[in-house]
Amino acid sequence: MKTVSIKEARDHFGELARQVEQGETVTVTRDGKPVLDIVPHEQPTGIDLEAGRAYLRARGIAIPVPYIADDFDDPLPEDFLLRPMQ
């Protein structure tokens, strides 16, 4: 990992960008203290839904959420938070 000051980063940004493209991480400092890292960009991968389905199938789970009440998303009564817990 390379460390450079803000002034050096500004003066040599193109060269630093080439190094980062090759996989290096560059730490930029101000008054000797790290303030940011320049890191290679990674493409977002998202969720692998098929892997989730395979996981559930392997464990014999056909329906992951078997029941959702019809009033699931209805507003709660106004005094809901004021009632004592039982």
PDB file of N, CA and C in Angstrom:
ATOM      1  N   MET A   1       0.850  -1.164   0.000  1.00  0.00           N
ATOM      2  CA  MET A   1       0.000   0.000   0.000  1.00  0.00           C
ATOM      3  C   MET A   1       0.898   1.229   0.000  1.00  0.00           C
ATOM      4  N   LYS A   2       0.584   2.141  -0.892  1.00  0.00           N
ATOM      5  CA  LYS A   2       1.371   3.358  -1.040  1.00  0.00           C
ATOM      6  C   LYS A   2       0.699   4.487  -0.270  1.00  0.00           C
ATOM      7  N   THR A   3       1.481   5.368   0.326  1.00  0.00           N
ATOM      8  CA  THR A   3       0.969   6.526   1.054  1.00  0.00           C
ATOM      9  C   THR A   3       1.542   7.793   0.437  1.00  0.00           C
ATOM     10  N   VAL A   4       0.664   8.759   0.141  1.00  0.00           N
ATOM     11  CA  VAL A   4       1.090  10.039  -0.434  1.00  0.00           C
ATOM     12  C   VAL A   4       0.334  11.171   0.239  1.00  0.00           C
ATOM     13  N   SER A   5       0.903  12.373   0.179  1.00  0.00           N
ATOM     14  CA  SER A   5       0.215  13.543   0.722  1.00  0.00           C
ATOM     15  C   SER A   5      -0.822  14.031  -0.289  1.00  0.00           C
ATOM     16  N   ILE A   6      -1.705  14.899   0.147  1.00  0.00           N
ATOM     17  CA  ILE A   6      -2.724  15.445  -0.755  1.00  0.00           C
ATOM     18  C   ILE A   6      -2.054  16.178  -1.914  1.00  0.00           C
ATOM     19  N   LYS A   7      -0.999  16.938  -1.630  1.00  0.00           N
ATOM     20  CA  LYS A   7      -0.312  17.678  -2.692  1.00  0.00           C
ATOM     21  C   LYS A   7       0.269  16.714  -3.721  1.00  0.00           C
ATOM     22  N   GLU A   8       0.935  15.636  -3.250  1.00  0.00           N
ATOM     23  CA  GLU A   8       1.495  14.654  -4.175  1.00  0.00           C
ATOM     24  C   GLU A   8       0.390  13.983  -4.993  1.00  0.00           C
ATOM     25  N   ALA A   9      -0.745  13.684  -4.337  1.00  0.00           N
ATOM     26  CA  ALA A   9      -1.856  13.046  -5.040  1.00  0.00           C
ATOM     27  C   ALA A   9      -2.383  13.957  -6.138  1.00  0.00           C
ATOM     28  N   ARG A  10      -2.497  15.240  -5.845  1.00  0.00           N
ATOM     29  CA  ARG A  10      -2.983  16.200  -6.848  1.00  0.00           C
ATOM     30  C   ARG A  10      -1.994  16.306  -8.007  1.00  0.00           C
ATOM     31  N   ASP A  11      -0.713  16.357  -7.690  1.00  0.00           N
ATOM     32  CA  ASP A  11       0.300  16.538  -8.732  1.00  0.00           C
ATOM     33  C   ASP A  11       0.510  15.292  -9.589  1.00  0.00           C
ATOM     34  N   HIS A  12       0.249  14.115  -9.040  1.00  0.00           N
ATOM     35  CA  HIS A  12       0.537  12.862  -9.757  1.00  0.00           C
ATOM     36  C   HIS A  12      -0.693  11.958  -9.844  1.00  0.00           C
ATOM     37  N   PHE A  13      -1.869  12.562  -9.982  1.00  0.00           N
ATOM     38  CA  PHE A  13      -3.101  11.783  -9.943  1.00  0.00           C
ATOM     39  C   PHE A  13      -3.163  10.728 -11.054  1.00  0.00           C
ATOM     40  N   GLY A  14      -2.737  11.088 -12.262  1.00  0.00           N
ATOM     41  CA  GLY A  14      -2.762  10.135 -13.380  1.00  0.00           C
ATOM     42  C   GLY A  14      -1.945   8.888 -13.088  1.00  0.00           C
ATOM     43  N   GLU A  15      -0.751   9.085 -12.553  1.00  0.00           N
ATOM     44  CA  GLU A  15       0.108   7.940 -12.221  1.00  0.00           C
ATOM     45  C   GLU A  15      -0.507   7.102 -11.097  1.00  0.00           C
ATOM     46  N   LEU A  16      -1.081   7.761 -10.094  1.00  0.00           N
ATOM     47  CA  LEU A  16      -1.730   7.030  -9.012  1.00  0.00           C
ATOM     48  C   LEU A  16      -2.909   6.222  -9.544  1.00  0.00           C
ATOM     49  N   ALA A  17      -3.666   6.807 -10.467  1.00  0.00           N
ATOM     50  CA  ALA A  17      -4.804   6.094 -11.055  1.00  0.00           C
ATOM     51  C   ALA A  17      -4.335   4.834 -11.773  1.00  0.00           C
ATOM     52  N   ARG A  18      -3.220   4.915 -12.491  1.00  0.00           N
ATOM     53  CA  ARG A  18      -2.688   3.722 -13.163  1.00  0.00           C
ATOM     54  C   ARG A  18      -2.303   2.638 -12.153  1.00  0.00           C
ATOM     55  N   GLN A  19      -1.704   3.059 -11.037  1.00  0.00           N
ATOM     56  CA  GLN A  19      -1.324   2.085 -10.005  1.00  0.00           C
ATOM     57  C   GLN A  19      -2.558   1.426  -9.386  1.00  0.00           C
ATOM     58  N   VAL A  20      -3.586   2.222  -9.164  1.00  0.00           N
ATOM     59  CA  VAL A  20      -4.822   1.682  -8.590  1.00  0.00           C
ATOM     60  C   VAL A  20      -5.487   0.719  -9.572  1.00  0.00           C
ATOM     61  N   GLU A  21      -5.440   1.031 -10.860  1.00  0.00           N
ATOM     62  CA  GLU A  21      -5.991   0.128 -11.875  1.00  0.00           C
ATOM     63  C   GLU A  21      -5.296  -1.229 -11.851  1.00  0.00           C
ATOM     64  N   GLN A  22      -4.048  -1.248 -11.443  1.00  0.00           N
ATOM     65  CA  GLN A  22      -3.283  -2.497 -11.367  1.00  0.00           C
ATOM     66  C   GLN A  22      -3.503  -3.217 -10.029  1.00  0.00           C
ATOM     67  N   GLY A  23      -4.387  -2.680  -9.187  1.00  0.00           N
ATOM     68  CA  GLY A  23      -4.750  -3.363  -7.945  1.00  0.00           C
ATOM     69  C   GLY A  23      -4.175  -2.787  -6.676  1.00  0.00           C
ATOM     70  N   GLU A  24      -3.366  -1.758  -6.768  1.00  0.00           N
ATOM     71  CA  GLU A  24      -2.760  -1.170  -5.569  1.00  0.00           C
ATOM     72  C   GLU A  24      -3.751  -0.234  -4.880  1.00  0.00           C
ATOM     73  N   THR A  25      -3.648  -0.130  -3.565  1.00  0.00           N
ATOM     74  CA  THR A  25      -4.422   0.834  -2.793  1.00  0.00           C
ATOM     75  C   THR A  25      -3.499   1.972  -2.401  1.00  0.00           C
ATOM     76  N   VAL A  26      -3.983   3.206  -2.577  1.00  0.00           N
ATOM     77  CA  VAL A  26      -3.184   4.390  -2.250  1.00  0.00           C
ATOM     78  C   VAL A  26      -3.881   5.128  -1.111  1.00  0.00           C
ATOM     79  N   THR A  27      -3.154   5.390  -0.033  1.00  0.00           N
ATOM     80  CA  THR A  27      -3.674   6.162   1.090  1.00  0.00           C
ATOM     81  C   THR A  27      -3.195   7.593   0.949  1.00  0.00           C
ATOM     82  N   VAL A  28      -4.131   8.529   1.013  1.00  0.00           N
ATOM     83  CA  VAL A  28      -3.808   9.956   0.913  1.00  0.00           C
ATOM     84  C   VAL A  28      -3.861  10.551   2.319  1.00  0.00           C
ATOM     85  N   THR A  29      -2.809  11.330   2.655  1.00  0.00           N
ATOM     86  CA  THR A  29      -2.714  11.879   4.006  1.00  0.00           C
ATOM     87  C   THR A  29      -2.748  13.405   3.993  1.00  0.00           C
ATOM     88  N   ARG A  30      -3.160  13.955   5.126  1.00  0.00           N
ATOM     89  CA  ARG A  30      -3.075  15.402   5.366  1.00  0.00           C
ATOM     90  C   ARG A  30      -2.382  15.561   6.707  1.00  0.00           C
ATOM     91  N   ASP A  31      -1.296  16.296   6.714  1.00  0.00           N
ATOM     92  CA  ASP A  31      -0.484  16.482   7.930  1.00  0.00           C
ATOM     93  C   ASP A  31      -0.081  15.139   8.539  1.00  0.00           C
ATOM     94  N   GLY A  32       0.212  14.160   7.680  1.00  0.00           N
ATOM     95  CA  GLY A  32       0.669  12.855   8.136  1.00  0.00           C
ATOM     96  C   GLY A  32      -0.423  11.912   8.604  1.00  0.00           C
ATOM     97  N   LYS A  33      -1.690  12.364   8.593  1.00  0.00           N
ATOM     98  CA  LYS A  33      -2.790  11.517   9.043  1.00  0.00           C
ATOM     99  C   LYS A  33      -3.607  11.064   7.834  1.00  0.00           C
ATOM    100  N   PRO A  34      -3.949   9.780   7.739  1.00  0.00           N
ATOM    101  CA  PRO A  34      -4.723   9.294   6.597  1.00  0.00           C
ATOM    102  C   PRO A  34      -6.105   9.940   6.557  1.00  0.00           C
ATOM    103  N   VAL A  35      -6.508  10.397   5.353  1.00  0.00           N
ATOM    104  CA  VAL A  35      -7.838  10.994   5.200  1.00  0.00           C
ATOM    105  C   VAL A  35      -8.695  10.226   4.195  1.00  0.00           C
ATOM    106  N   LEU A  36      -8.072   9.510   3.261  1.00  0.00           N
ATOM    107  CA  LEU A  36      -8.848   8.725   2.316  1.00  0.00           C
ATOM    108  C   LEU A  36      -7.978   7.687   1.649  1.00  0.00           C
ATOM    109  N   ASP A  37      -8.647   6.671   1.097  1.00  0.00           N
ATOM    110  CA  ASP A  37      -7.972   5.633   0.331  1.00  0.00           C
ATOM    111  C   ASP A  37      -8.488   5.678  -1.097  1.00  0.00           C
ATOM    112  N   ILE A  38      -7.596   5.496  -2.038  1.00  0.00           N
ATOM    113  CA  ILE A  38      -7.988   5.335  -3.435  1.00  0.00           C
ATOM    114  C   ILE A  38      -7.860   3.842  -3.711  1.00  0.00           C
ATOM    115  N   VAL A  39      -8.980   3.209  -4.034  1.00  0.00           N
ATOM    116  CA  VAL A  39      -9.004   1.751  -4.207  1.00  0.00           C
ATOM    117  C   VAL A  39      -9.569   1.400  -5.577  1.00  0.00           C
ATOM    118  N   PRO A  40      -9.254   0.208  -6.100  1.00  0.00           N
ATOM    119  CA  PRO A  40      -9.808  -0.206  -7.388  1.00  0.00           C
ATOM    120  C   PRO A  40     -11.328  -0.311  -7.318  1.00  0.00           C
ATOM    121  N   HIS A  41     -11.984   0.052  -8.400  1.00  0.00           N
ATOM    122  CA  HIS A  41     -13.444  -0.026  -8.474  1.00  0.00           C
ATOM    123  C   HIS A  41     -13.874  -1.478  -8.617  1.00  0.00           C
ATOM    124  N   GLU A  42     -14.933  -1.868  -7.920  1.00  0.00           N
ATOM    125  CA  GLU A  42     -15.482  -3.218  -8.029  1.00  0.00           C
ATOM    126  C   GLU A  42     -16.906  -3.119  -8.550  1.00  0.00           C
ATOM    127  N   GLN A  43     -17.246  -3.969  -9.505  1.00  0.00           N
ATOM    128  CA  GLN A  43     -18.605  -4.010 -10.020  1.00  0.00           C
ATOM    129  C   GLN A  43     -19.520  -4.601  -8.948  1.00  0.00           C
ATOM    130  N   PRO A  44     -20.684  -4.000  -8.724  1.00  0.00           N
ATOM    131  CA  PRO A  44     -21.612  -4.578  -7.754  1.00  0.00           C
ATOM    132  C   PRO A  44     -22.089  -5.949  -8.231  1.00  0.00           C
ATOM    133  N   THR A  45     -22.184  -6.877  -7.311  1.00  0.00           N
ATOM    134  CA  THR A  45     -22.561  -8.231  -7.693  1.00  0.00           C
ATOM    135  C   THR A  45     -24.028  -8.527  -7.456  1.00  0.00           C
ATOM    136  N   GLY A  46     -24.651  -7.934  -6.467  1.00  0.00           N
ATOM    137  CA  GLY A  46     -26.061  -8.193  -6.197  1.00  0.00           C
ATOM    138  C   GLY A  46     -26.264  -9.514  -5.466  1.00  0.00           C
ATOM    139  N   ILE A  47     -27.513  -9.910  -5.418  1.00  0.00           N
ATOM    140  CA  ILE A  47     -27.894 -11.118  -4.701  1.00  0.00           C
ATOM    141  C   ILE A  47     -28.063 -12.255  -5.696  1.00  0.00           C
ATOM    142  N   ASP A  48     -27.529 -13.406  -5.368  1.00  0.00           N
ATOM    143  CA  ASP A  48     -27.676 -14.596  -6.215  1.00  0.00           C
ATOM    144  C   ASP A  48     -28.934 -15.330  -5.761  1.00  0.00           C
ATOM    145  N   LEU A  49     -30.063 -15.010  -6.393  1.00  0.00           N
ATOM    146  CA  LEU A  49     -31.333 -15.602  -5.989  1.00  0.00           C
ATOM    147  C   LEU A  49     -31.364 -17.108  -6.215  1.00  0.00           C
ATOM    148  N   GLU A  50     -30.742 -17.568  -7.275  1.00  0.00           N
ATOM    149  CA  GLU A  50     -30.747 -19.006  -7.540  1.00  0.00           C
ATOM    150  C   GLU A  50     -30.000 -19.759  -6.433  1.00  0.00           C
ATOM    151  N   ALA A  51     -28.928 -19.196  -5.902  1.00  0.00           N
ATOM    152  CA  ALA A  51     -28.213 -19.831  -4.791  1.00  0.00           C
ATOM    153  C   ALA A  51     -29.115 -19.904  -3.559  1.00  0.00           C
ATOM    154  N   GLY A  52     -29.913 -18.886  -3.331  1.00  0.00           N
ATOM    155  CA  GLY A  52     -30.859 -18.900  -2.212  1.00  0.00           C
ATOM    156  C   GLY A  52     -31.909 -19.978  -2.389  1.00  0.00           C
ATOM    157  N   ARG A  53     -32.432 -20.091  -3.600  1.00  0.00           N
ATOM    158  CA  ARG A  53     -33.426 -21.142  -3.870  1.00  0.00           C
ATOM    159  C   ARG A  53     -32.826 -22.530  -3.669  1.00  0.00           C
ATOM    160  N   ALA A  54     -31.593 -22.728  -4.147  1.00  0.00           N
ATOM    161  CA  ALA A  54     -30.921 -24.025  -3.984  1.00  0.00           C
ATOM    162  C   ALA A  54     -30.699 -24.331  -2.506  1.00  0.00           C
ATOM    163  N   TYR A  55     -30.338 -23.341  -1.719  1.00  0.00           N
ATOM    164  CA  TYR A  55     -30.139 -23.504  -0.276  1.00  0.00           C
ATOM    165  C   TYR A  55     -31.435 -23.990   0.381  1.00  0.00           C
ATOM    166  N   LEU A  56     -32.547 -23.333   0.043  1.00  0.00           N
ATOM    167  CA  LEU A  56     -33.835 -23.725   0.619  1.00  0.00           C
ATOM    168  C   LEU A  56     -34.239 -25.130   0.175  1.00  0.00           C
ATOM    169  N   ARG A  57     -34.067 -25.434  -1.124  1.00  0.00           N
ATOM    170  CA  ARG A  57     -34.409 -26.772  -1.635  1.00  0.00           C
ATOM    171  C   ARG A  57     -33.610 -27.851  -0.917  1.00  0.00           C
ATOM    172  N   ALA A  58     -32.321 -27.591  -0.692  1.00  0.00           N
ATOM    173  CA  ALA A  58     -31.454 -28.574  -0.040  1.00  0.00           C
ATOM    174  C   ALA A  58     -31.909 -28.867   1.386  1.00  0.00           C
ATOM    175  N   ARG A  59     -32.621 -27.953   1.991  1.00  0.00           N
ATOM    176  CA  ARG A  59     -33.092 -28.138   3.358  1.00  0.00           C
ATOM    177  C   ARG A  59     -34.577 -28.489   3.415  1.00  0.00           C
ATOM    178  N   GLY A  60     -35.168 -28.754   2.246  1.00  0.00           N
ATOM    179  CA  GLY A  60     -36.558 -29.185   2.200  1.00  0.00           C
ATOM    180  C   GLY A  60     -37.564 -28.086   2.465  1.00  0.00           C
ATOM    181  N   ILE A  61     -37.190 -26.848   2.241  1.00  0.00           N
ATOM    182  CA  ILE A  61     -38.099 -25.730   2.480  1.00  0.00           C
ATOM    183  C   ILE A  61     -38.700 -25.325   1.140  1.00  0.00           C
ATOM    184  N   ALA A  62     -39.986 -25.632   0.956  1.00  0.00           N
ATOM    185  CA  ALA A  62     -40.642 -25.334  -0.311  1.00  0.00           C
ATOM    186  C   ALA A  62     -41.165 -23.899  -0.341  1.00  0.00           C
ATOM    187  N   ILE A  63     -41.706 -23.446   0.779  1.00  0.00           N
ATOM    188  CA  ILE A  63     -42.277 -22.091   0.860  1.00  0.00           C
ATOM    189  C   ILE A  63     -41.583 -21.373   2.015  1.00  0.00           C
ATOM    190  N   PRO A  64     -40.686 -20.428   1.726  1.00  0.00           N
ATOM    191  CA  PRO A  64     -39.919 -19.795   2.808  1.00  0.00           C
ATOM    192  C   PRO A  64     -40.781 -18.970   3.762  1.00  0.00           C
ATOM    193  N   VAL A  65     -41.854 -18.348   3.272  1.00  0.00           N
ATOM    194  CA  VAL A  65     -42.759 -17.584   4.126  1.00  0.00           C
ATOM    195  C   VAL A  65     -44.148 -18.181   3.927  1.00  0.00           C
ATOM    196  N   PRO A  66     -44.542 -19.144   4.771  1.00  0.00           N
ATOM    197  CA  PRO A  66     -45.777 -19.875   4.508  1.00  0.00           C
ATOM    198  C   PRO A  66     -47.058 -19.065   4.683  1.00  0.00           C
ATOM    199  N   TYR A  67     -47.032 -17.990   5.484  1.00  0.00           N
ATOM    200  CA  TYR A  67     -48.266 -17.247   5.724  1.00  0.00           C
ATOM    201  C   TYR A  67     -47.944 -15.791   6.048  1.00  0.00           C
ATOM    202  N   ILE A  68     -48.687 -14.904   5.413  1.00  0.00           N
ATOM    203  CA  ILE A  68     -48.618 -13.477   5.737  1.00  0.00           C
ATOM    204  C   ILE A  68     -50.047 -13.026   5.974  1.00  0.00           C
ATOM    205  N   ALA A  69     -50.319 -12.476   7.138  1.00  0.00           N
ATOM    206  CA  ALA A  69     -51.676 -12.045   7.483  1.00  0.00           C
ATOM    207  C   ALA A  69     -52.153 -10.958   6.527  1.00  0.00           C
ATOM    208  N   ASP A  70     -53.452 -10.942   6.261  1.00  0.00           N
ATOM    209  CA  ASP A  70     -54.026  -9.942   5.358  1.00  0.00           C
ATOM    210  C   ASP A  70     -53.815  -8.524   5.876  1.00  0.00           C
ATOM    211  N   ASP A  71     -53.792  -8.360   7.196  1.00  0.00           N
ATOM    212  CA  ASP A  71     -53.642  -7.026   7.771  1.00  0.00           C
ATOM    213  C   ASP A  71     -52.190  -6.713   8.147  1.00  0.00           C
ATOM    214  N   PHE A  72     -51.249  -7.434   7.563  1.00  0.00           N
ATOM    215  CA  PHE A  72     -49.834  -7.279   7.903  1.00  0.00           C
ATOM    216  C   PHE A  72     -49.366  -5.825   7.844  1.00  0.00           C
ATOM    217  N   ASP A  73     -49.749  -5.108   6.799  1.00  0.00           N
ATOM    218  CA  ASP A  73     -49.242  -3.741   6.640  1.00  0.00           C
ATOM    219  C   ASP A  73     -50.269  -2.674   7.014  1.00  0.00           C
ATOM    220  N   ASP A  74     -51.313  -3.052   7.732  1.00  0.00           N
ATOM    221  CA  ASP A  74     -52.268  -2.062   8.209  1.00  0.00           C
ATOM    222  C   ASP A  74     -51.621  -1.241   9.322  1.00  0.00           C
ATOM    223  N   PRO A  75     -52.040   0.016   9.473  1.00  0.00           N
ATOM    224  CA  PRO A  75     -51.491   0.829  10.567  1.00  0.00           C
ATOM    225  C   PRO A  75     -51.844   0.236  11.929  1.00  0.00           C
ATOM    226  N   LEU A  76     -50.949   0.402  12.881  1.00  0.00           N
ATOM    227  CA  LEU A  76     -51.202  -0.063  14.238  1.00  0.00           C
ATOM    228  C   LEU A  76     -52.146   0.916  14.935  1.00  0.00           C
ATOM    229  N   PRO A  77     -52.870   0.455  15.937  1.00  0.00           N
ATOM    230  CA  PRO A  77     -53.728   1.376  16.682  1.00  0.00           C
ATOM    231  C   PRO A  77     -52.883   2.465  17.348  1.00  0.00           C
ATOM    232  N   GLU A  78     -53.487   3.624  17.544  1.00  0.00           N
ATOM    233  CA  GLU A  78     -52.739   4.757  18.099  1.00  0.00           C
ATOM    234  C   GLU A  78     -52.178   4.472  19.486  1.00  0.00           C
ATOM    235  N   ASP A  79     -52.883   3.680  20.273  1.00  0.00           N
ATOM    236  CA  ASP A  79     -52.433   3.428  21.644  1.00  0.00           C
ATOM    237  C   ASP A  79     -51.533   2.186  21.748  1.00  0.00           C
ATOM    238  N   PHE A  80     -51.095   1.638  20.666  1.00  0.00           N
ATOM    239  CA  PHE A  80     -50.307   0.402  20.656  1.00  0.00           C
ATOM    240  C   PHE A  80     -49.076   0.510  21.549  1.00  0.00           C
ATOM    241  N   LEU A  81     -48.318   1.591  21.422  1.00  0.00           N
ATOM    242  CA  LEU A  81     -47.094   1.735  22.209  1.00  0.00           C
ATOM    243  C   LEU A  81     -47.364   2.119  23.657  1.00  0.00           C
ATOM    244  N   LEU A  82     -48.607   2.509  23.960  1.00  0.00           N
ATOM    245  CA  LEU A  82     -48.924   2.909  25.333  1.00  0.00           C
ATOM    246  C   LEU A  82     -49.425   1.748  26.180  1.00  0.00           C
ATOM    247  N   ARG A  83     -49.828   0.655  25.534  1.00  0.00           N
ATOM    248  CA  ARG A  83     -50.324  -0.508  26.267  1.00  0.00           C
ATOM    249  C   ARG A  83     -49.176  -1.214  26.984  1.00  0.00           C
ATOM    250  N   PRO A  84     -49.431  -1.724  28.182  1.00  0.00           N
ATOM    251  CA  PRO A  84     -48.383  -2.491  28.879  1.00  0.00           C
ATOM    252  C   PRO A  84     -48.155  -3.817  28.153  1.00  0.00           C
ATOM    253  N   MET A  85     -46.920  -4.274  28.169  1.00  0.00           N
ATOM    254  CA  MET A  85     -46.601  -5.575  27.552  1.00  0.00           C
ATOM    255  C   MET A  85     -47.103  -6.692  28.435  1.00  0.00           C
ATOM    256  N   GLN A  86     -47.578  -7.751  27.815  1.00  0.00           N
ATOM    257  CA  GLN A  86     -48.117  -8.872  28.596  1.00  0.00           C
ATOM    258  C   GLN A  86     -47.250 -10.076  28.473  1.00  0.00           C
TER     259      GLN A  86
END
